[in-house]
Amino acid sequence: MPLSNQVLFSEFEKFMNSESARFNKFPASPVEFGQSFSSAIDKYVSTICPAVTLAARSQGKILLSSALSTVGPPPQGLPFTEVISSAMATYSLTIAGGMLPTFIGVPPPLPIGNLIQPVFVLGMAGASNSEVTNAMSKIIHNWFKTGTATPSGGGPPIPWS
């Protein structure tokens, strides 16, 4: 089963959409936010093609969670849109490495922070939690699909799917 925006959306709803039946709770701290977000991404990536080793996914999840635990209001915390670009770049690089030895993975090229900025504008304009969650999952899903993998034995690159 390839990457599924519906899986990502459903996982995000657990901690981002209080209007959803899937909702558990909003993260109580930056550390909980990092854990919730990285768990959602990990579940989403668990079906990526080409397949990624469990070790790479686990390492990526730890790195992503740790980076996102710095998100919060200033002066102690950092803005999400600043942290997410480097956090997801590190995560996707780890995932790309986990495609070896069968494939040589290349992470998505664009920083994701600028792509996500409109989601915050949408939320500030009064969009529902569901609309914001849907927009966030679509942007991340489309970003992941810009990663590529080239068969180690030769052949053209294929998009992550």
Protein backbone atom coordinates (compact mmCIF):
# COMPACT_ATOMS: atom_id res chain seq x y z
CA MET A 1 0.00 0.00 0.00
CA PRO A 2 1.58 3.31 -1.04
CA LEU A 3 1.58 6.61 0.84
CA SER A 4 -1.96 7.63 1.72
CA ASN A 5 -3.08 11.15 2.46
CA GLN A 6 -6.11 9.64 4.24
CA VAL A 7 -3.81 7.84 6.69
CA LEU A 8 -1.93 11.07 7.43
CA PHE A 9 -5.16 13.06 7.78
CA SER A 10 -6.60 10.44 10.17
CA GLU A 11 -3.44 10.43 12.27
CA PHE A 12 -3.38 14.24 12.45
CA GLU A 13 -7.02 14.28 13.52
CA LYS A 14 -6.07 12.42 16.70
CA PHE A 15 -4.29 15.49 18.08
CA MET A 16 -5.25 18.41 15.81
CA ASN A 17 -8.99 18.17 15.23
CA SER A 18 -11.21 18.32 18.29
CA GLU A 19 -14.23 18.12 15.95
CA SER A 20 -13.28 14.57 14.89
CA ALA A 21 -14.43 11.29 16.42
CA ARG A 22 -10.77 10.18 16.18
CA PHE A 23 -9.61 13.04 18.42
CA ASN A 24 -7.77 12.02 21.61
CA LYS A 25 -6.44 15.32 22.98
CA PHE A 26 -4.38 18.35 22.09
CA PRO A 27 -0.71 17.92 23.05
CA ALA A 28 -0.13 19.35 26.53
CA SER A 29 3.50 20.31 25.87
CA PRO A 30 6.00 20.80 23.06
CA VAL A 31 7.40 17.33 23.82
CA GLU A 32 3.92 15.77 23.43
CA PHE A 33 3.45 17.72 20.20
CA GLY A 34 6.73 16.36 18.84
CA GLN A 35 5.72 12.83 19.81
CA SER A 36 2.23 13.11 18.31
CA PHE A 37 3.40 14.68 15.06
CA SER A 38 6.29 12.24 14.58
CA SER A 39 4.02 9.27 15.33
CA ALA A 40 1.56 10.48 12.67
CA ILE A 41 4.33 10.89 10.11
CA ASP A 42 5.82 7.49 11.00
CA LYS A 43 2.47 5.72 10.55
CA TYR A 44 2.04 7.51 7.21
CA VAL A 45 5.54 6.58 5.99
CA SER A 46 5.19 2.95 7.10
CA THR A 47 3.67 2.18 3.69
CA ILE A 48 6.08 4.17 1.51
CA CYS A 49 7.33 2.64 -1.73
CA PRO A 50 10.16 1.86 -2.03
CA ALA A 51 10.12 0.30 1.41
CA VAL A 52 12.21 1.75 4.23
CA THR A 53 13.91 -0.22 6.98
CA LEU A 54 12.32 -0.16 10.42
CA ALA A 55 15.64 1.06 11.85
CA ALA A 56 15.60 4.13 9.57
CA ARG A 57 11.96 4.85 10.38
CA SER A 58 12.64 4.56 14.12
CA GLN A 59 15.67 6.84 13.93
CA GLY A 60 13.77 9.34 11.78
CA LYS A 61 10.86 9.36 14.22
CA ILE A 62 13.21 10.08 17.15
CA LEU A 63 14.93 12.90 15.28
CA LEU A 64 11.64 14.42 14.14
CA SER A 65 10.09 14.22 17.60
CA SER A 66 13.15 15.80 19.21
CA ALA A 67 13.26 18.67 16.71
CA LEU A 68 9.53 19.38 16.98
CA SER A 69 9.70 19.42 20.78
CA THR A 70 11.32 22.86 20.42
CA VAL A 71 8.13 24.33 18.87
CA GLY A 72 6.29 26.80 21.05
CA PRO A 73 5.76 30.45 21.83
CA PRO A 74 8.82 32.70 22.09
CA PRO A 75 11.11 33.29 23.84
CA GLN A 76 11.59 29.63 24.87
CA GLY A 77 9.98 28.03 21.82
CA LEU A 78 10.49 28.35 18.10
CA PRO A 79 7.84 28.89 15.38
CA PHE A 80 6.58 25.69 13.75
CA THR A 81 7.23 26.96 10.21
CA GLU A 82 10.91 27.51 11.08
CA VAL A 83 11.44 24.16 12.78
CA ILE A 84 9.48 22.00 10.36
CA SER A 85 11.75 22.60 7.36
CA SER A 86 14.94 21.37 9.02
CA ALA A 87 13.09 18.67 10.99
CA MET A 88 11.44 17.18 7.90
CA ALA A 89 14.64 17.52 5.85
CA THR A 90 16.48 15.47 8.47
CA TYR A 91 13.62 12.99 8.69
CA SER A 92 13.34 12.52 4.93
CA LEU A 93 17.11 12.14 4.57
CA THR A 94 16.99 9.38 7.18
CA ILE A 95 14.10 7.73 5.33
CA ALA A 96 16.01 7.98 2.03
CA GLY A 97 18.97 6.21 3.64
CA GLY A 98 16.64 3.46 4.79
CA MET A 99 15.85 2.58 1.18
CA LEU A 100 19.38 1.22 0.73
CA PRO A 101 20.69 -1.16 -0.50
CA THR A 102 17.92 -1.77 -3.04
CA PHE A 103 17.29 1.89 -3.86
CA ILE A 104 19.20 5.14 -3.61
CA GLY A 105 16.69 7.52 -2.09
CA VAL A 106 16.67 11.27 -2.67
CA PRO A 107 14.56 13.31 -0.24
CA PRO A 108 12.04 15.94 -1.36
CA PRO A 109 13.99 18.99 -2.57
CA LEU A 110 11.92 21.92 -1.33
CA PRO A 111 11.88 23.18 2.26
CA ILE A 112 8.42 22.39 3.56
CA GLY A 113 8.07 25.36 5.94
CA ASN A 114 7.14 27.83 3.20
CA LEU A 115 4.64 25.36 1.76
CA ILE A 116 2.92 25.00 5.15
CA GLN A 117 2.65 28.74 5.86
CA PRO A 118 -0.75 29.05 4.07
CA VAL A 119 -2.22 26.51 6.52
CA PHE A 120 -1.68 29.00 9.33
CA VAL A 121 -3.29 31.76 7.29
CA LEU A 122 -6.25 29.45 6.68
CA GLY A 123 -6.57 28.76 10.42
CA MET A 124 -6.27 32.42 11.36
CA ALA A 125 -9.01 33.23 8.83
CA GLY A 126 -11.41 31.02 10.79
CA ALA A 127 -11.26 27.71 8.93
CA SER A 128 -12.47 24.67 10.83
CA ASN A 129 -10.06 22.25 12.49
CA SER A 130 -10.97 19.73 9.81
CA GLU A 131 -10.10 22.13 6.99
CA VAL A 132 -6.76 23.01 8.59
CA THR A 133 -5.93 19.36 9.27
CA ASN A 134 -6.86 18.44 5.69
CA ALA A 135 -4.72 21.23 4.24
CA MET A 136 -1.74 20.25 6.40
CA SER A 137 -1.96 16.58 5.45
CA LYS A 138 -2.31 17.35 1.72
CA ILE A 139 0.74 19.62 1.70
CA ILE A 140 2.88 17.08 3.53
CA HIS A 141 1.60 14.23 1.35
CA ASN A 142 2.36 16.12 -1.86
CA TRP A 143 5.78 17.12 -0.53
CA PHE A 144 6.72 13.51 0.27
CA LYS A 145 5.77 12.45 -3.24
CA THR A 146 8.52 14.72 -4.64
CA GLY A 147 11.16 12.41 -3.17
CA THR A 148 12.67 9.92 -5.59
CA ALA A 149 14.47 6.59 -5.51
CA THR A 150 16.76 5.10 -8.13
CA PRO A 151 17.22 1.33 -8.28
CA SER A 152 20.74 0.51 -7.09
CA GLY A 153 21.21 -1.83 -10.03
CA GLY A 154 20.35 0.91 -12.50
CA GLY A 155 17.25 2.30 -14.05
CA PRO A 156 15.28 5.53 -13.95
CA PRO A 157 14.33 7.19 -10.67
CA ILE A 158 10.81 6.64 -9.40
CA PRO A 159 8.83 8.99 -7.17
CA TRP A 160 8.21 8.06 -3.57
CA SER A 161 4.70 6.72 -3.40
